[in-house]
Amino acid sequence: MPHSFGKRARTRQMFAKKHRQHGNPNLSQYLMPVKVGDYVDIFANPTIHKGMPYKHYHGRTGIVFNLTKASVGVRVNKEVNGRVLEKRIHVRIEHVRKSTCQREIIARKVSNDDYKAQVIAGKAEKISLKRTPKLPKAAYFLAAAGETGAVTTIQSLPFSDLL
């Protein structure tokens, strides 16, 4: 028997709701404050069939570019034949969540601004706030059990003919 190639083919686990999470979305989902430029995660809600995104976009993160009365326009990157295209799709608000991908960046900006204010006030010393890669560990000698820590040199024995 041939298998289906429809729009929702092979989405049994993808569009299934979790245990005890069935039913209509909460009203807070409809009242979620979203504005142009926000990062959102596209997460299809299988309870609402209207405005559901195509299965490829499920779980993707995009940027809001448009708002209508019931839907959100989202820019999403999609790889097509080895190149990345920016796709613009409209999905209903039920299928969108606020993304947490920028949370760490925003927190770092706030802490950096606080630190700069302390430096200007003279309460802290100026240091570089740029992110740096993790540096390698510093060198050290590992003392064996019972040793005093003296360094011993190991040399090969001189060649001797055993015949």
Protein backbone atom coordinates (compact mmCIF):
# COMPACT_ATOMS: atom_id res chain seq x y z
CA MET A 1 0.00 0.00 0.00
CA PRO A 2 1.60 3.36 -0.99
CA HIS A 3 2.28 5.87 1.74
CA SER A 4 0.96 9.41 1.85
CA PHE A 5 2.84 12.45 0.64
CA GLY A 6 0.39 14.99 2.10
CA LYS A 7 1.11 18.19 3.99
CA ARG A 8 0.83 16.45 7.37
CA ALA A 9 2.49 13.18 6.37
CA ARG A 10 4.87 11.69 8.96
CA THR A 11 3.84 14.10 11.73
CA ARG A 12 2.35 11.65 14.24
CA GLN A 13 4.90 12.46 16.97
CA MET A 14 5.60 16.01 15.81
CA PHE A 15 2.04 17.23 16.07
CA ALA A 16 1.04 15.11 19.08
CA LYS A 17 0.36 16.82 22.38
CA LYS A 18 2.12 15.72 25.52
CA HIS A 19 0.48 13.74 28.30
CA ARG A 20 -2.20 15.76 30.12
CA GLN A 21 -1.61 18.75 27.83
CA HIS A 22 -4.57 18.17 25.51
CA GLY A 23 -7.30 20.72 24.85
CA ASN A 24 -7.55 24.27 23.66
CA PRO A 25 -4.79 26.81 24.36
CA ASN A 26 -5.02 29.17 27.33
CA LEU A 27 -6.21 32.73 26.90
CA SER A 28 -2.72 33.95 27.78
CA GLN A 29 -1.60 32.51 24.45
CA TYR A 30 -3.96 34.88 22.61
CA LEU A 31 -2.98 37.84 24.82
CA MET A 32 0.76 37.25 24.42
CA PRO A 33 2.49 40.58 23.72
CA VAL A 34 4.34 40.26 20.41
CA LYS A 35 5.84 43.13 18.46
CA VAL A 36 7.81 43.50 15.26
CA GLY A 37 11.43 42.41 15.72
CA ASP A 38 10.76 39.86 18.47
CA TYR A 39 12.26 36.38 18.24
CA VAL A 40 9.61 33.67 18.28
CA ASP A 41 9.64 29.87 18.14
CA ILE A 42 7.20 28.28 15.72
CA PHE A 43 5.58 25.40 17.54
CA ALA A 44 2.45 24.04 15.85
CA ASN A 45 -0.50 23.46 18.16
CA PRO A 46 -2.38 20.45 16.71
CA THR A 47 -5.63 21.49 18.40
CA ILE A 48 -5.96 24.51 16.10
CA HIS A 49 -5.92 23.53 12.43
CA LYS A 50 -6.34 27.04 11.05
CA GLY A 51 -3.14 28.92 10.32
CA MET A 52 -0.94 25.92 11.11
CA PRO A 53 2.56 26.20 9.63
CA TYR A 54 3.97 23.58 7.31
CA LYS A 55 5.78 20.77 9.16
CA HIS A 56 9.27 21.96 8.12
CA TYR A 57 8.88 25.14 10.18
CA HIS A 58 7.85 23.29 13.37
CA GLY A 59 10.49 24.02 16.04
CA ARG A 60 12.22 26.79 14.05
CA THR A 61 13.05 30.22 15.41
CA GLY A 62 12.27 33.35 13.42
CA ILE A 63 11.83 37.10 13.68
CA VAL A 64 8.42 38.80 13.58
CA PHE A 65 8.05 41.11 10.58
CA ASN A 66 4.27 41.63 10.48
CA LEU A 67 1.25 41.54 12.78
CA THR A 68 -2.36 41.07 11.77
CA LYS A 69 -5.46 40.64 13.92
CA ALA A 70 -5.10 36.86 14.22
CA SER A 71 -1.70 35.96 12.88
CA VAL A 72 1.99 36.78 13.01
CA GLY A 73 4.34 37.15 10.06
CA VAL A 74 7.66 35.42 10.76
CA ARG A 75 10.95 35.44 8.82
CA VAL A 76 12.56 32.00 8.97
CA ASN A 77 15.77 30.70 7.40
CA LYS A 78 15.34 27.56 5.29
CA GLU A 79 18.09 25.59 3.59
CA VAL A 80 17.21 24.80 -0.04
CA ASN A 81 19.71 22.95 -2.24
CA GLY A 82 22.72 24.02 -0.17
CA ARG A 83 21.82 27.68 0.19
CA VAL A 84 19.91 29.45 2.94
CA LEU A 85 16.81 31.38 1.93
CA GLU A 86 14.80 33.74 4.09
CA LYS A 87 11.18 32.58 4.00
CA ARG A 88 8.33 34.79 5.14
CA ILE A 89 5.35 32.89 6.52
CA HIS A 90 2.21 33.88 8.38
CA VAL A 91 1.04 31.65 11.22
CA ARG A 92 -1.70 32.13 13.76
CA ILE A 93 -0.76 33.29 17.25
CA GLU A 94 -1.62 29.84 18.69
CA HIS A 95 1.35 28.32 16.86
CA VAL A 96 3.94 30.80 18.15
CA ARG A 97 5.90 31.06 21.41
CA LYS A 98 8.22 33.77 22.67
CA SER A 99 11.79 32.61 22.13
CA THR A 100 14.38 32.52 24.89
CA CYS A 101 17.35 32.62 22.49
CA GLN A 102 18.13 36.27 23.31
CA ARG A 103 17.76 35.99 27.09
CA GLU A 104 21.48 35.51 27.81
CA ILE A 105 22.49 38.34 25.44
CA ILE A 106 20.06 40.79 27.01
CA ALA A 107 21.16 39.85 30.54
CA ARG A 108 24.82 40.37 29.55
CA LYS A 109 24.02 43.81 28.10
CA VAL A 110 22.27 44.86 31.31
CA SER A 111 25.12 43.65 33.52
CA ASN A 112 27.69 45.34 31.28
CA ASP A 113 25.80 48.64 31.45
CA ASP A 114 25.62 48.38 35.25
CA TYR A 115 29.35 47.71 35.41
CA LYS A 116 30.11 50.68 33.14
CA ALA A 117 28.04 52.93 35.42
CA GLN A 118 30.06 51.69 38.43
CA VAL A 119 33.32 52.42 36.59
CA ILE A 120 32.17 55.97 35.82
CA ALA A 121 31.17 56.44 39.46
CA GLY A 122 34.60 55.20 40.56
CA LYS A 123 33.34 52.16 42.46
CA ALA A 124 34.99 49.60 40.17
CA GLU A 125 38.14 49.23 38.12
CA LYS A 126 37.86 49.17 34.34
CA ILE A 127 38.25 45.77 32.71
CA SER A 128 37.48 44.40 29.26
CA LEU A 129 33.87 43.25 28.95
CA LYS A 130 34.43 41.41 25.67
CA ARG A 131 33.72 37.72 25.60
CA THR A 132 36.88 35.66 25.27
CA PRO A 133 37.26 31.97 24.53
CA LYS A 134 38.08 29.68 27.40
CA LEU A 135 41.85 29.69 27.86
CA PRO A 136 43.89 26.51 28.37
CA LYS A 137 44.73 25.44 31.90
CA ALA A 138 47.94 26.72 33.46
CA ALA A 139 50.87 24.30 33.58
CA TYR A 140 51.62 22.48 36.83
CA PHE A 141 53.65 19.55 38.15
CA LEU A 142 51.76 16.59 39.53
CA ALA A 143 53.63 15.04 42.46
CA ALA A 144 53.37 11.27 42.78
CA ALA A 145 52.27 9.76 46.08
CA GLY A 146 55.09 9.82 48.64
CA GLU A 147 57.44 11.99 46.56
CA THR A 148 58.93 15.22 47.75
CA GLY A 149 58.26 16.89 44.43
CA ALA A 150 61.82 16.58 43.05
CA VAL A 151 61.96 16.36 39.27
CA THR A 152 63.65 13.22 37.94
CA THR A 153 65.06 12.89 34.45
CA ILE A 154 64.50 9.63 32.61
CA GLN A 155 67.16 8.59 30.10
CA SER A 156 67.50 5.56 27.89
CA LEU A 157 70.15 2.96 28.75
CA PRO A 158 73.24 2.79 26.57
CA PHE A 159 73.20 0.06 23.94
CA SER A 160 74.74 -3.27 24.97
CA ASP A 161 75.16 -6.34 22.81
CA LEU A 162 73.54 -9.31 24.55
CA LEU A 163 75.24 -12.02 22.39
